[in-house]
Amino acid sequence: MVAIFTRKLDDNLVSLTKKLQAQLYENSAKQLRCFVVYLTNQPADHEEQLAALAIKHRLRTLPLTIFAGKKGPPEIKLSPKAENTVIMWKGLEVKNNYAFEEGKMDANAIENVVLGLNTILE
């Protein structure tokens, strides 16, 4: 399972979601699942934006959702400095936790996240 918590909808997030959606197709037999949670203090203001993003980029099998509150779910304890956090787990064990500060999730970081899928697909 892969969860992406983001505080910014940008091209890098779209790039990551497209690559993960491709992995969902390739690894469907391994029950790979992924979802994106947009963290915002104004959820009603961003619902249409998130829906348009999904349609524009054909994100059909990768759910996009909104959480009311930039801090995110308190039980997950996301870094307040992280613009994007990617958590991968298998069973009940977290295998990878990537936290990217503002502007740090670039093409290299995205490739590292995709490579990190190997730890949960074994």
PDB file of N, CA and C in Angstrom:
ATOM      1  N   MET A   1       0.850  -1.174   0.000  1.00  0.00           N
ATOM      2  CA  MET A   1       0.000   0.000   0.000  1.00  0.00           C
ATOM      3  C   MET A   1       0.893   1.232   0.000  1.00  0.00           C
ATOM      4  N   VAL A   2       0.478   2.224  -0.778  1.00  0.00           N
ATOM      5  CA  VAL A   2       1.220   3.481  -0.873  1.00  0.00           C
ATOM      6  C   VAL A   2       0.249   4.623  -0.613  1.00  0.00           C
ATOM      7  N   ALA A   3       0.624   5.503   0.290  1.00  0.00           N
ATOM      8  CA  ALA A   3      -0.169   6.706   0.558  1.00  0.00           C
ATOM      9  C   ALA A   3       0.710   7.922   0.297  1.00  0.00           C
ATOM     10  N   ILE A   4       0.153   8.885  -0.428  1.00  0.00           N
ATOM     11  CA  ILE A   4       0.854  10.140  -0.691  1.00  0.00           C
ATOM     12  C   ILE A   4       0.056  11.250  -0.014  1.00  0.00           C
ATOM     13  N   PHE A   5       0.697  11.946   0.885  1.00  0.00           N
ATOM     14  CA  PHE A   5       0.088  13.106   1.528  1.00  0.00           C
ATOM     15  C   PHE A   5       0.770  14.333   0.955  1.00  0.00           C
ATOM     16  N   THR A   6      -0.015  15.257   0.410  1.00  0.00           N
ATOM     17  CA  THR A   6       0.565  16.422  -0.239  1.00  0.00           C
ATOM     18  C   THR A   6      -0.123  17.701   0.208  1.00  0.00           C
ATOM     19  N   ARG A   7       0.667  18.737   0.240  1.00  0.00           N
ATOM     20  CA  ARG A   7       0.133  20.066   0.557  1.00  0.00           C
ATOM     21  C   ARG A   7       0.159  20.966  -0.673  1.00  0.00           C
ATOM     22  N   LYS A   8       0.557  20.391  -1.813  1.00  0.00           N
ATOM     23  CA  LYS A   8       0.658  21.188  -3.036  1.00  0.00           C
ATOM     24  C   LYS A   8       0.355  20.310  -4.251  1.00  0.00           C
ATOM     25  N   LEU A   9      -0.532  20.792  -5.101  1.00  0.00           N
ATOM     26  CA  LEU A   9      -0.843  20.099  -6.350  1.00  0.00           C
ATOM     27  C   LEU A   9      -0.006  20.734  -7.446  1.00  0.00           C
ATOM     28  N   ASP A  10       1.055  20.029  -7.869  1.00  0.00           N
ATOM     29  CA  ASP A  10       1.936  20.586  -8.890  1.00  0.00           C
ATOM     30  C   ASP A  10       2.346  19.509  -9.884  1.00  0.00           C
ATOM     31  N   ASP A  11       3.192  19.885 -10.840  1.00  0.00           N
ATOM     32  CA  ASP A  11       3.617  18.957 -11.890  1.00  0.00           C
ATOM     33  C   ASP A  11       4.380  17.760 -11.336  1.00  0.00           C
ATOM     34  N   ASN A  12       5.172  17.960 -10.292  1.00  0.00           N
ATOM     35  CA  ASN A  12       5.915  16.839  -9.711  1.00  0.00           C
ATOM     36  C   ASN A  12       4.972  15.827  -9.073  1.00  0.00           C
ATOM     37  N   LEU A  13       3.936  16.299  -8.417  1.00  0.00           N
ATOM     38  CA  LEU A  13       2.950  15.381  -7.851  1.00  0.00           C
ATOM     39  C   LEU A  13       2.268  14.600  -8.973  1.00  0.00           C
ATOM     40  N   VAL A  14       1.913  15.287 -10.043  1.00  0.00           N
ATOM     41  CA  VAL A  14       1.280  14.620 -11.189  1.00  0.00           C
ATOM     42  C   VAL A  14       2.222  13.566 -11.776  1.00  0.00           C
ATOM     43  N   SER A  15       3.488  13.915 -11.909  1.00  0.00           N
ATOM     44  CA  SER A  15       4.468  12.963 -12.436  1.00  0.00           C
ATOM     45  C   SER A  15       4.534  11.711 -11.569  1.00  0.00           C
ATOM     46  N   LEU A  16       4.595  11.904 -10.257  1.00  0.00           N
ATOM     47  CA  LEU A  16       4.646  10.762  -9.345  1.00  0.00           C
ATOM     48  C   LEU A  16       3.372   9.929  -9.452  1.00  0.00           C
ATOM     49  N   THR A  17       2.213  10.570  -9.472  1.00  0.00           N
ATOM     50  CA  THR A  17       0.970   9.812  -9.533  1.00  0.00           C
ATOM     51  C   THR A  17       0.843   9.023 -10.841  1.00  0.00           C
ATOM     52  N   LYS A  18       1.306   9.596 -11.940  1.00  0.00           N
ATOM     53  CA  LYS A  18       1.271   8.866 -13.214  1.00  0.00           C
ATOM     54  C   LYS A  18       2.169   7.633 -13.167  1.00  0.00           C
ATOM     55  N   LYS A  19       3.349   7.797 -12.607  1.00  0.00           N
ATOM     56  CA  LYS A  19       4.271   6.655 -12.511  1.00  0.00           C
ATOM     57  C   LYS A  19       3.713   5.579 -11.578  1.00  0.00           C
ATOM     58  N   LEU A  20       3.095   5.999 -10.494  1.00  0.00           N
ATOM     59  CA  LEU A  20       2.505   5.019  -9.584  1.00  0.00           C
ATOM     60  C   LEU A  20       1.291   4.342 -10.202  1.00  0.00           C
ATOM     61  N   GLN A  21       0.496   5.088 -10.957  1.00  0.00           N
ATOM     62  CA  GLN A  21      -0.639   4.464 -11.634  1.00  0.00           C
ATOM     63  C   GLN A  21      -0.157   3.393 -12.611  1.00  0.00           C
ATOM     64  N   ALA A  22       0.929   3.667 -13.324  1.00  0.00           N
ATOM     65  CA  ALA A  22       1.501   2.661 -14.225  1.00  0.00           C
ATOM     66  C   ALA A  22       1.923   1.422 -13.440  1.00  0.00           C
ATOM     67  N   GLN A  23       2.483   1.631 -12.254  1.00  0.00           N
ATOM     68  CA  GLN A  23       2.887   0.504 -11.415  1.00  0.00           C
ATOM     69  C   GLN A  23       1.672  -0.274 -10.906  1.00  0.00           C
ATOM     70  N   LEU A  24       0.569   0.419 -10.671  1.00  0.00           N
ATOM     71  CA  LEU A  24      -0.660  -0.265 -10.261  1.00  0.00           C
ATOM     72  C   LEU A  24      -1.103  -1.251 -11.331  1.00  0.00           C
ATOM     73  N   TYR A  25      -1.044  -0.820 -12.593  1.00  0.00           N
ATOM     74  CA  TYR A  25      -1.402  -1.703 -13.709  1.00  0.00           C
ATOM     75  C   TYR A  25      -0.441  -2.889 -13.802  1.00  0.00           C
ATOM     76  N   GLU A  26       0.852  -2.582 -13.741  1.00  0.00           N
ATOM     77  CA  GLU A  26       1.864  -3.634 -13.894  1.00  0.00           C
ATOM     78  C   GLU A  26       1.850  -4.640 -12.752  1.00  0.00           C
ATOM     79  N   ASN A  27       1.437  -4.209 -11.581  1.00  0.00           N
ATOM     80  CA  ASN A  27       1.503  -5.070 -10.398  1.00  0.00           C
ATOM     81  C   ASN A  27       0.130  -5.402  -9.837  1.00  0.00           C
ATOM     82  N   SER A  28      -0.862  -5.419 -10.690  1.00  0.00           N
ATOM     83  CA  SER A  28      -2.222  -5.690 -10.218  1.00  0.00           C
ATOM     84  C   SER A  28      -2.339  -7.068  -9.567  1.00  0.00           C
ATOM     85  N   ALA A  29      -1.587  -8.034 -10.048  1.00  0.00           N
ATOM     86  CA  ALA A  29      -1.627  -9.372  -9.464  1.00  0.00           C
ATOM     87  C   ALA A  29      -1.041  -9.398  -8.054  1.00  0.00           C
ATOM     88  N   LYS A  30      -0.210  -8.408  -7.733  1.00  0.00           N
ATOM     89  CA  LYS A  30       0.411  -8.342  -6.400  1.00  0.00           C
ATOM     90  C   LYS A  30      -0.392  -7.486  -5.427  1.00  0.00           C
ATOM     91  N   GLN A  31      -1.577  -7.082  -5.865  1.00  0.00           N
ATOM     92  CA  GLN A  31      -2.484  -6.308  -5.014  1.00  0.00           C
ATOM     93  C   GLN A  31      -1.904  -4.964  -4.552  1.00  0.00           C
ATOM     94  N   LEU A  32      -1.104  -4.333  -5.401  1.00  0.00           N
ATOM     95  CA  LEU A  32      -0.568  -3.010  -5.088  1.00  0.00           C
ATOM     96  C   LEU A  32      -1.714  -2.010  -5.086  1.00  0.00           C
ATOM     97  N   ARG A  33      -1.765  -1.178  -4.065  1.00  0.00           N
ATOM     98  CA  ARG A  33      -2.782  -0.136  -3.945  1.00  0.00           C
ATOM     99  C   ARG A  33      -2.095   1.180  -3.616  1.00  0.00           C
ATOM    100  N   CYS A  34      -2.718   2.281  -4.051  1.00  0.00           N
ATOM    101  CA  CYS A  34      -2.143   3.599  -3.832  1.00  0.00           C
ATOM    102  C   CYS A  34      -3.260   4.634  -3.776  1.00  0.00           C
ATOM    103  N   PHE A  35      -3.050   5.684  -2.990  1.00  0.00           N
ATOM    104  CA  PHE A  35      -3.996   6.792  -2.965  1.00  0.00           C
ATOM    105  C   PHE A  35      -3.262   8.075  -2.603  1.00  0.00           C
ATOM    106  N   VAL A  36      -3.880   9.210  -2.965  1.00  0.00           N
ATOM    107  CA  VAL A  36      -3.319  10.534  -2.705  1.00  0.00           C
ATOM    108  C   VAL A  36      -4.277  11.294  -1.798  1.00  0.00           C
ATOM    109  N   VAL A  37      -3.709  11.950  -0.789  1.00  0.00           N
ATOM    110  CA  VAL A  37      -4.495  12.770   0.126  1.00  0.00           C
ATOM    111  C   VAL A  37      -3.963  14.199   0.054  1.00  0.00           C
ATOM    112  N   TYR A  38      -4.818  15.110  -0.393  1.00  0.00           N
ATOM    113  CA  TYR A  38      -4.456  16.526  -0.454  1.00  0.00           C
ATOM    114  C   TYR A  38      -4.844  17.170   0.871  1.00  0.00           C
ATOM    115  N   LEU A  39      -3.860  17.739   1.546  1.00  0.00           N
ATOM    116  CA  LEU A  39      -4.070  18.358   2.849  1.00  0.00           C
ATOM    117  C   LEU A  39      -4.300  19.857   2.666  1.00  0.00           C
ATOM    118  N   THR A  40      -5.465  20.327   3.082  1.00  0.00           N
ATOM    119  CA  THR A  40      -5.786  21.735   2.912  1.00  0.00           C
ATOM    120  C   THR A  40      -6.729  22.201   4.016  1.00  0.00           C
ATOM    121  N   ASN A  41      -6.629  23.470   4.351  1.00  0.00           N
ATOM    122  CA  ASN A  41      -7.534  24.056   5.336  1.00  0.00           C
ATOM    123  C   ASN A  41      -8.857  24.495   4.713  1.00  0.00           C
ATOM    124  N   GLN A  42      -8.924  24.506   3.377  1.00  0.00           N
ATOM    125  CA  GLN A  42     -10.152  24.869   2.662  1.00  0.00           C
ATOM    126  C   GLN A  42     -10.553  23.747   1.707  1.00  0.00           C
ATOM    127  N   PRO A  43     -11.005  22.612   2.243  1.00  0.00           N
ATOM    128  CA  PRO A  43     -11.300  21.467   1.360  1.00  0.00           C
ATOM    129  C   PRO A  43     -12.359  21.756   0.305  1.00  0.00           C
ATOM    130  N   ALA A  44     -13.401  22.485   0.631  1.00  0.00           N
ATOM    131  CA  ALA A  44     -14.462  22.758  -0.340  1.00  0.00           C
ATOM    132  C   ALA A  44     -13.953  23.573  -1.526  1.00  0.00           C
ATOM    133  N   ASP A  45     -12.937  24.395  -1.279  1.00  0.00           N
ATOM    134  CA  ASP A  45     -12.374  25.231  -2.346  1.00  0.00           C
ATOM    135  C   ASP A  45     -11.547  24.439  -3.353  1.00  0.00           C
ATOM    136  N   HIS A  46     -11.160  23.218  -3.008  1.00  0.00           N
ATOM    137  CA  HIS A  46     -10.239  22.460  -3.856  1.00  0.00           C
ATOM    138  C   HIS A  46     -10.835  21.187  -4.451  1.00  0.00           C
ATOM    139  N   GLU A  47     -12.062  20.864  -4.136  1.00  0.00           N
ATOM    140  CA  GLU A  47     -12.669  19.631  -4.656  1.00  0.00           C
ATOM    141  C   GLU A  47     -12.705  19.614  -6.179  1.00  0.00           C
ATOM    142  N   GLU A  48     -13.145  20.703  -6.779  1.00  0.00           N
ATOM    143  CA  GLU A  48     -13.221  20.769  -8.244  1.00  0.00           C
ATOM    144  C   GLU A  48     -11.834  20.728  -8.868  1.00  0.00           C
ATOM    145  N   GLN A  49     -10.870  21.379  -8.242  1.00  0.00           N
ATOM    146  CA  GLN A  49      -9.495  21.376  -8.745  1.00  0.00           C
ATOM    147  C   GLN A  49      -8.935  19.958  -8.749  1.00  0.00           C
ATOM    148  N   LEU A  50      -9.188  19.216  -7.693  1.00  0.00           N
ATOM    149  CA  LEU A  50      -8.693  17.841  -7.598  1.00  0.00           C
ATOM    150  C   LEU A  50      -9.382  16.944  -8.629  1.00  0.00           C
ATOM    151  N   ALA A  51     -10.681  17.119  -8.803  1.00  0.00           N
ATOM    152  CA  ALA A  51     -11.413  16.338  -9.807  1.00  0.00           C
ATOM    153  C   ALA A  51     -10.908  16.648 -11.215  1.00  0.00           C
ATOM    154  N   ALA A  52     -10.670  17.921 -11.496  1.00  0.00           N
ATOM    155  CA  ALA A  52     -10.158  18.315 -12.812  1.00  0.00           C
ATOM    156  C   ALA A  52      -8.769  17.736 -13.065  1.00  0.00           C
ATOM    157  N   LEU A  53      -7.942  17.698 -12.022  1.00  0.00           N
ATOM    158  CA  LEU A  53      -6.600  17.119 -12.131  1.00  0.00           C
ATOM    159  C   LEU A  53      -6.688  15.637 -12.498  1.00  0.00           C
ATOM    160  N   ALA A  54      -7.590  14.924 -11.854  1.00  0.00           N
ATOM    161  CA  ALA A  54      -7.756  13.494 -12.132  1.00  0.00           C
ATOM    162  C   ALA A  54      -8.227  13.264 -13.565  1.00  0.00           C
ATOM    163  N   ILE A  55      -9.155  14.079 -14.026  1.00  0.00           N
ATOM    164  CA  ILE A  55      -9.665  13.929 -15.391  1.00  0.00           C
ATOM    165  C   ILE A  55      -8.591  14.291 -16.408  1.00  0.00           C
ATOM    166  N   LYS A  56      -7.944  15.421 -16.205  1.00  0.00           N
ATOM    167  CA  LYS A  56      -6.928  15.898 -17.154  1.00  0.00           C
ATOM    168  C   LYS A  56      -5.796  14.889 -17.335  1.00  0.00           C
ATOM    169  N   HIS A  57      -5.375  14.255 -16.256  1.00  0.00           N
ATOM    170  CA  HIS A  57      -4.220  13.357 -16.308  1.00  0.00           C
ATOM    171  C   HIS A  57      -4.618  11.876 -16.304  1.00  0.00           C
ATOM    172  N   ARG A  58      -5.909  11.630 -16.477  1.00  0.00           N
ATOM    173  CA  ARG A  58      -6.434  10.258 -16.578  1.00  0.00           C
ATOM    174  C   ARG A  58      -6.005   9.376 -15.411  1.00  0.00           C
ATOM    175  N   LEU A  59      -6.166   9.893 -14.223  1.00  0.00           N
ATOM    176  CA  LEU A  59      -5.840   9.135 -13.014  1.00  0.00           C
ATOM    177  C   LEU A  59      -7.099   8.370 -12.603  1.00  0.00           C
ATOM    178  N   ARG A  60      -7.288   7.228 -13.246  1.00  0.00           N
ATOM    179  CA  ARG A  60      -8.530   6.474 -13.073  1.00  0.00           C
ATOM    180  C   ARG A  60      -8.468   5.452 -11.947  1.00  0.00           C
ATOM    181  N   THR A  61      -7.330   4.865 -11.732  1.00  0.00           N
ATOM    182  CA  THR A  61      -7.235   3.807 -10.723  1.00  0.00           C
ATOM    183  C   THR A  61      -6.510   4.263  -9.466  1.00  0.00           C
ATOM    184  N   LEU A  62      -6.174   5.524  -9.417  1.00  0.00           N
ATOM    185  CA  LEU A  62      -5.448   6.062  -8.273  1.00  0.00           C
ATOM    186  C   LEU A  62      -6.350   7.104  -7.594  1.00  0.00           C
ATOM    187  N   PRO A  63      -6.988   6.744  -6.486  1.00  0.00           N
ATOM    188  CA  PRO A  63      -7.914   7.668  -5.835  1.00  0.00           C
ATOM    189  C   PRO A  63      -7.216   8.926  -5.314  1.00  0.00           C
ATOM    190  N   LEU A  64      -7.892  10.060  -5.514  1.00  0.00           N
ATOM    191  CA  LEU A  64      -7.443  11.346  -4.998  1.00  0.00           C
ATOM    192  C   LEU A  64      -8.494  11.809  -3.999  1.00  0.00           C
ATOM    193  N   THR A  65      -8.057  12.205  -2.823  1.00  0.00           N
ATOM    194  CA  THR A  65      -8.995  12.634  -1.803  1.00  0.00           C
ATOM    195  C   THR A  65      -8.463  13.859  -1.073  1.00  0.00           C
ATOM    196  N   ILE A  66      -9.306  14.449  -0.257  1.00  0.00           N
ATOM    197  CA  ILE A  66      -8.934  15.659   0.474  1.00  0.00           C
ATOM    198  C   ILE A  66      -9.105  15.407   1.967  1.00  0.00           C
ATOM    199  N   PHE A  67      -8.148  15.923   2.739  1.00  0.00           N
ATOM    200  CA  PHE A  67      -8.247  15.899   4.200  1.00  0.00           C
ATOM    201  C   PHE A  67      -8.341  17.337   4.679  1.00  0.00           C
ATOM    202  N   ALA A  68      -9.301  17.620   5.521  1.00  0.00           N
ATOM    203  CA  ALA A  68      -9.489  18.972   6.044  1.00  0.00           C
ATOM    204  C   ALA A  68      -8.461  19.247   7.136  1.00  0.00           C
ATOM    205  N   GLY A  69      -7.445  20.016   6.788  1.00  0.00           N
ATOM    206  CA  GLY A  69      -6.398  20.378   7.739  1.00  0.00           C
ATOM    207  C   GLY A  69      -5.030  20.160   7.141  1.00  0.00           C
ATOM    208  N   LYS A  70      -4.242  21.215   7.071  1.00  0.00           N
ATOM    209  CA  LYS A  70      -2.897  21.132   6.476  1.00  0.00           C
ATOM    210  C   LYS A  70      -1.953  20.227   7.268  1.00  0.00           C
ATOM    211  N   LYS A  71      -2.233  20.025   8.550  1.00  0.00           N
ATOM    212  CA  LYS A  71      -1.354  19.188   9.376  1.00  0.00           C
ATOM    213  C   LYS A  71      -1.513  17.706   9.056  1.00  0.00           C
ATOM    214  N   GLY A  72      -2.662  17.336   8.509  1.00  0.00           N
ATOM    215  CA  GLY A  72      -2.918  15.939   8.196  1.00  0.00           C
ATOM    216  C   GLY A  72      -3.476  15.195   9.393  1.00  0.00           C
ATOM    217  N   PRO A  73      -3.752  13.902   9.210  1.00  0.00           N
ATOM    218  CA  PRO A  73      -4.285  13.095  10.305  1.00  0.00           C
ATOM    219  C   PRO A  73      -3.287  13.040  11.471  1.00  0.00           C
ATOM    220  N   PRO A  74      -3.706  13.372  12.684  1.00  0.00           N
ATOM    221  CA  PRO A  74      -2.766  13.433  13.805  1.00  0.00           C
ATOM    222  C   PRO A  74      -2.069  12.107  14.104  1.00  0.00           C
ATOM    223  N   GLU A  75      -2.753  10.991  13.860  1.00  0.00           N
ATOM    224  CA  GLU A  75      -2.144   9.689  14.168  1.00  0.00           C
ATOM    225  C   GLU A  75      -0.998   9.332  13.228  1.00  0.00           C
ATOM    226  N   ILE A  76      -0.883  10.019  12.097  1.00  0.00           N
ATOM    227  CA  ILE A  76       0.188   9.720  11.146  1.00  0.00           C
ATOM    228  C   ILE A  76       1.435  10.547  11.433  1.00  0.00           C
ATOM    229  N   LYS A  77       1.287  11.664  12.106  1.00  0.00           N
ATOM    230  CA  LYS A  77       2.423  12.500  12.521  1.00  0.00           C
ATOM    231  C   LYS A  77       3.303  12.915  11.340  1.00  0.00           C
ATOM    232  N   LEU A  78       2.694  13.569  10.357  1.00  0.00           N
ATOM    233  CA  LEU A  78       3.433  14.063   9.201  1.00  0.00           C
ATOM    234  C   LEU A  78       4.316  15.237   9.615  1.00  0.00           C
ATOM    235  N   SER A  79       5.459  15.337   8.985  1.00  0.00           N
ATOM    236  CA  SER A  79       6.354  16.458   9.252  1.00  0.00           C
ATOM    237  C   SER A  79       5.694  17.753   8.782  1.00  0.00           C
ATOM    238  N   PRO A  80       5.674  18.780   9.625  1.00  0.00           N
ATOM    239  CA  PRO A  80       5.084  20.049   9.195  1.00  0.00           C
ATOM    240  C   PRO A  80       5.902  20.731   8.097  1.00  0.00           C
ATOM    241  N   LYS A  81       7.169  20.329   7.939  1.00  0.00           N
ATOM    242  CA  LYS A  81       8.032  20.908   6.911  1.00  0.00           C
ATOM    243  C   LYS A  81       7.863  20.224   5.556  1.00  0.00           C
ATOM    244  N   ALA A  82       7.261  19.047   5.538  1.00  0.00           N
ATOM    245  CA  ALA A  82       7.146  18.265   4.300  1.00  0.00           C
ATOM    246  C   ALA A  82       5.994  18.763   3.435  1.00  0.00           C
ATOM    247  N   GLU A  83       6.325  19.040   2.189  1.00  0.00           N
ATOM    248  CA  GLU A  83       5.302  19.396   1.209  1.00  0.00           C
ATOM    249  C   GLU A  83       4.627  18.125   0.691  1.00  0.00           C
ATOM    250  N   ASN A  84       5.420  17.061   0.577  1.00  0.00           N
ATOM    251  CA  ASN A  84       4.939  15.757   0.127  1.00  0.00           C
ATOM    252  C   ASN A  84       5.527  14.674   1.016  1.00  0.00           C
ATOM    253  N   THR A  85       4.681  13.746   1.426  1.00  0.00           N
ATOM    254  CA  THR A  85       5.118  12.591   2.200  1.00  0.00           C
ATOM    255  C   THR A  85       4.567  11.346   1.521  1.00  0.00           C
ATOM    256  N   VAL A  86       5.439  10.375   1.285  1.00  0.00           N
ATOM    257  CA  VAL A  86       5.030   9.113   0.669  1.00  0.00           C
ATOM    258  C   VAL A  86       5.344   8.001   1.660  1.00  0.00           C
ATOM    259  N   ILE A  87       4.309   7.252   2.034  1.00  0.00           N
ATOM    260  CA  ILE A  87       4.467   6.156   2.989  1.00  0.00           C
ATOM    261  C   ILE A  87       4.093   4.860   2.286  1.00  0.00           C
ATOM    262  N   MET A  88       4.986   3.878   2.394  1.00  0.00           N
ATOM    263  CA  MET A  88       4.743   2.558   1.803  1.00  0.00           C
ATOM    264  C   MET A  88       4.760   1.523   2.912  1.00  0.00           C
ATOM    265  N   TRP A  89       3.761   0.657   2.905  1.00  0.00           N
ATOM    266  CA  TRP A  89       3.754  -0.395   3.901  1.00  0.00           C
ATOM    267  C   TRP A  89       3.243  -1.692   3.313  1.00  0.00           C
ATOM    268  N   LYS A  90       3.631  -2.767   3.989  1.00  0.00           N
ATOM    269  CA  LYS A  90       3.202  -4.112   3.613  1.00  0.00           C
ATOM    270  C   LYS A  90       2.718  -4.774   4.894  1.00  0.00           C
ATOM    271  N   GLY A  91       1.507  -5.260   4.868  1.00  0.00           N
ATOM    272  CA  GLY A  91       0.921  -5.778   6.099  1.00  0.00           C
ATOM    273  C   GLY A  91       0.760  -4.621   7.072  1.00  0.00           C
ATOM    274  N   LEU A  92       1.320  -4.768   8.242  1.00  0.00           N
ATOM    275  CA  LEU A  92       1.258  -3.703   9.246  1.00  0.00           C
ATOM    276  C   LEU A  92       2.589  -2.992   9.425  1.00  0.00           C
ATOM    277  N   GLU A  93       3.542  -3.272   8.538  1.00  0.00           N
ATOM    278  CA  GLU A  93       4.889  -2.718   8.688  1.00  0.00           C
ATOM    279  C   GLU A  93       5.191  -1.662   7.632  1.00  0.00           C
ATOM    280  N   VAL A  94       5.575  -0.468   8.100  1.00  0.00           N
ATOM    281  CA  VAL A  94       6.004   0.587   7.189  1.00  0.00           C
ATOM    282  C   VAL A  94       7.372   0.203   6.639  1.00  0.00           C
ATOM    283  N   LYS A  95       7.475   0.157   5.330  1.00  0.00           N
ATOM    284  CA  LYS A  95       8.732  -0.219   4.681  1.00  0.00           C
ATOM    285  C   LYS A  95       9.531   1.004   4.246  1.00  0.00           C
ATOM    286  N   ASN A  96       8.834   2.062   3.793  1.00  0.00           N
ATOM    287  CA  ASN A  96       9.496   3.300   3.352  1.00  0.00           C
ATOM    288  C   ASN A  96       8.663   4.489   3.767  1.00  0.00           C
ATOM    289  N   ASN A  97       9.342   5.559   4.123  1.00  0.00           N
ATOM    290  CA  ASN A  97       8.678   6.810   4.463  1.00  0.00           C
ATOM    291  C   ASN A  97       9.538   7.932   3.889  1.00  0.00           C
ATOM    292  N   TYR A  98       9.045   8.568   2.846  1.00  0.00           N
ATOM    293  CA  TYR A  98       9.774   9.655   2.188  1.00  0.00           C
ATOM    294  C   TYR A  98       9.073  10.974   2.526  1.00  0.00           C
ATOM    295  N   ALA A  99       9.826  11.931   3.010  1.00  0.00           N
ATOM    296  CA  ALA A  99       9.274  13.261   3.295  1.00  0.00           C
ATOM    297  C   ALA A  99      10.098  14.282   2.511  1.00  0.00           C
ATOM    298  N   PHE A 100       9.415  15.051   1.668  1.00  0.00           N
ATOM    299  CA  PHE A 100      10.084  16.034   0.820  1.00  0.00           C
ATOM    300  C   PHE A 100       9.667  17.443   1.212  1.00  0.00           C
ATOM    301  N   GLU A 101      10.643  18.249   1.564  1.00  0.00           N
ATOM    302  CA  GLU A 101      10.354  19.643   1.862  1.00  0.00           C
ATOM    303  C   GLU A 101       9.993  20.362   0.569  1.00  0.00           C
ATOM    304  N   GLU A 102       9.540  21.594   0.692  1.00  0.00           N
ATOM    305  CA  GLU A 102       9.092  22.362  -0.458  1.00  0.00           C
ATOM    306  C   GLU A 102      10.134  22.379  -1.573  1.00  0.00           C
ATOM    307  N   GLY A 103       9.716  21.971  -2.763  1.00  0.00           N
ATOM    308  CA  GLY A 103      10.569  21.993  -3.941  1.00  0.00           C
ATOM    309  C   GLY A 103      11.574  20.855  -4.038  1.00  0.00           C
ATOM    310  N   LYS A 104      11.574  19.926  -3.104  1.00  0.00           N
ATOM    311  CA  LYS A 104      12.575  18.845  -3.086  1.00  0.00           C
ATOM    312  C   LYS A 104      12.134  17.573  -3.814  1.00  0.00           C
ATOM    313  N   MET A 105      10.850  17.459  -4.138  1.00  0.00           N
ATOM    314  CA  MET A 105      10.401  16.266  -4.858  1.00  0.00           C
ATOM    315  C   MET A 105      10.575  16.526  -6.351  1.00  0.00           C
ATOM    316  N   ASP A 106      11.772  16.226  -6.842  1.00  0.00           N
ATOM    317  CA  ASP A 106      12.103  16.421  -8.248  1.00  0.00           C
ATOM    318  C   ASP A 106      12.109  15.074  -8.974  1.00  0.00           C
ATOM    319  N   ALA A 107      12.539  15.069 -10.215  1.00  0.00           N
ATOM    320  CA  ALA A 107      12.536  13.838 -11.028  1.00  0.00           C
ATOM    321  C   ALA A 107      13.355  12.729 -10.378  1.00  0.00           C
ATOM    322  N   ASN A 108      14.503  13.060  -9.801  1.00  0.00           N
ATOM    323  CA  ASN A 108      15.341  12.065  -9.122  1.00  0.00           C
ATOM    324  C   ASN A 108      14.619  11.467  -7.931  1.00  0.00           C
ATOM    325  N   ALA A 109      14.004  12.318  -7.137  1.00  0.00           N
ATOM    326  CA  ALA A 109      13.280  11.857  -5.950  1.00  0.00           C
ATOM    327  C   ALA A 109      12.120  10.954  -6.356  1.00  0.00           C
ATOM    328  N   ILE A 110      11.438  11.320  -7.414  1.00  0.00           N
ATOM    329  CA  ILE A 110      10.306  10.517  -7.901  1.00  0.00           C
ATOM    330  C   ILE A 110      10.779   9.136  -8.325  1.00  0.00           C
ATOM    331  N   GLU A 111      11.890   9.066  -9.032  1.00  0.00           N
ATOM    332  CA  GLU A 111      12.430   7.762  -9.447  1.00  0.00           C
ATOM    333  C   GLU A 111      12.804   6.913  -8.233  1.00  0.00           C
ATOM    334  N   ASN A 112      13.352   7.546  -7.196  1.00  0.00           N
ATOM    335  CA  ASN A 112      13.699   6.809  -5.968  1.00  0.00           C
ATOM    336  C   ASN A 112      12.451   6.260  -5.289  1.00  0.00           C
ATOM    337  N   VAL A 113      11.382   7.027  -5.295  1.00  0.00           N
ATOM    338  CA  VAL A 113      10.131   6.547  -4.715  1.00  0.00           C
ATOM    339  C   VAL A 113       9.626   5.339  -5.493  1.00  0.00           C
ATOM    340  N   VAL A 114       9.631   5.432  -6.812  1.00  0.00           N
ATOM    341  CA  VAL A 114       9.162   4.313  -7.645  1.00  0.00           C
ATOM    342  C   VAL A 114      10.029   3.072  -7.400  1.00  0.00           C
ATOM    343  N   LEU A 115      11.338   3.268  -7.312  1.00  0.00           N
ATOM    344  CA  LEU A 115      12.229   2.137  -7.010  1.00  0.00           C
ATOM    345  C   LEU A 115      11.937   1.540  -5.630  1.00  0.00           C
ATOM    346  N   GLY A 116      11.511   2.395  -4.703  1.00  0.00           N
ATOM    347  CA  GLY A 116      11.185   1.937  -3.353  1.00  0.00           C
ATOM    348  C   GLY A 116      10.013   0.977  -3.317  1.00  0.00           C
ATOM    349  N   LEU A 117       9.226   0.944  -4.377  1.00  0.00           N
ATOM    350  CA  LEU A 117       8.103  -0.006  -4.433  1.00  0.00           C
ATOM    351  C   LEU A 117       8.579  -1.445  -4.301  1.00  0.00           C
ATOM    352  N   ASN A 118       9.804  -1.710  -4.709  1.00  0.00           N
ATOM    353  CA  ASN A 118      10.337  -3.086  -4.625  1.00  0.00           C
ATOM    354  C   ASN A 118      10.253  -3.639  -3.216  1.00  0.00           C
ATOM    355  N   THR A 119      10.353  -2.776  -2.207  1.00  0.00           N
ATOM    356  CA  THR A 119      10.323  -3.265  -0.816  1.00  0.00           C
ATOM    357  C   THR A 119       8.950  -3.779  -0.411  1.00  0.00           C
ATOM    358  N   ILE A 120       7.895  -3.321  -1.087  1.00  0.00           N
ATOM    359  CA  ILE A 120       6.558  -3.804  -0.735  1.00  0.00           C
ATOM    360  C   ILE A 120       6.002  -4.790  -1.762  1.00  0.00           C
ATOM    361  N   LEU A 121       6.718  -4.975  -2.854  1.00  0.00           N
ATOM    362  CA  LEU A 121       6.237  -5.904  -3.889  1.00  0.00           C
ATOM    363  C   LEU A 121       6.914  -7.270  -3.803  1.00  0.00           C
ATOM    364  N   GLU A 122       7.866  -7.425  -2.918  1.00  0.00           N
ATOM    365  CA  GLU A 122       8.609  -8.698  -2.807  1.00  0.00           C
ATOM    366  C   GLU A 122       7.695  -9.801  -2.321  1.00  0.00           C
TER     367      GLU A 122
END
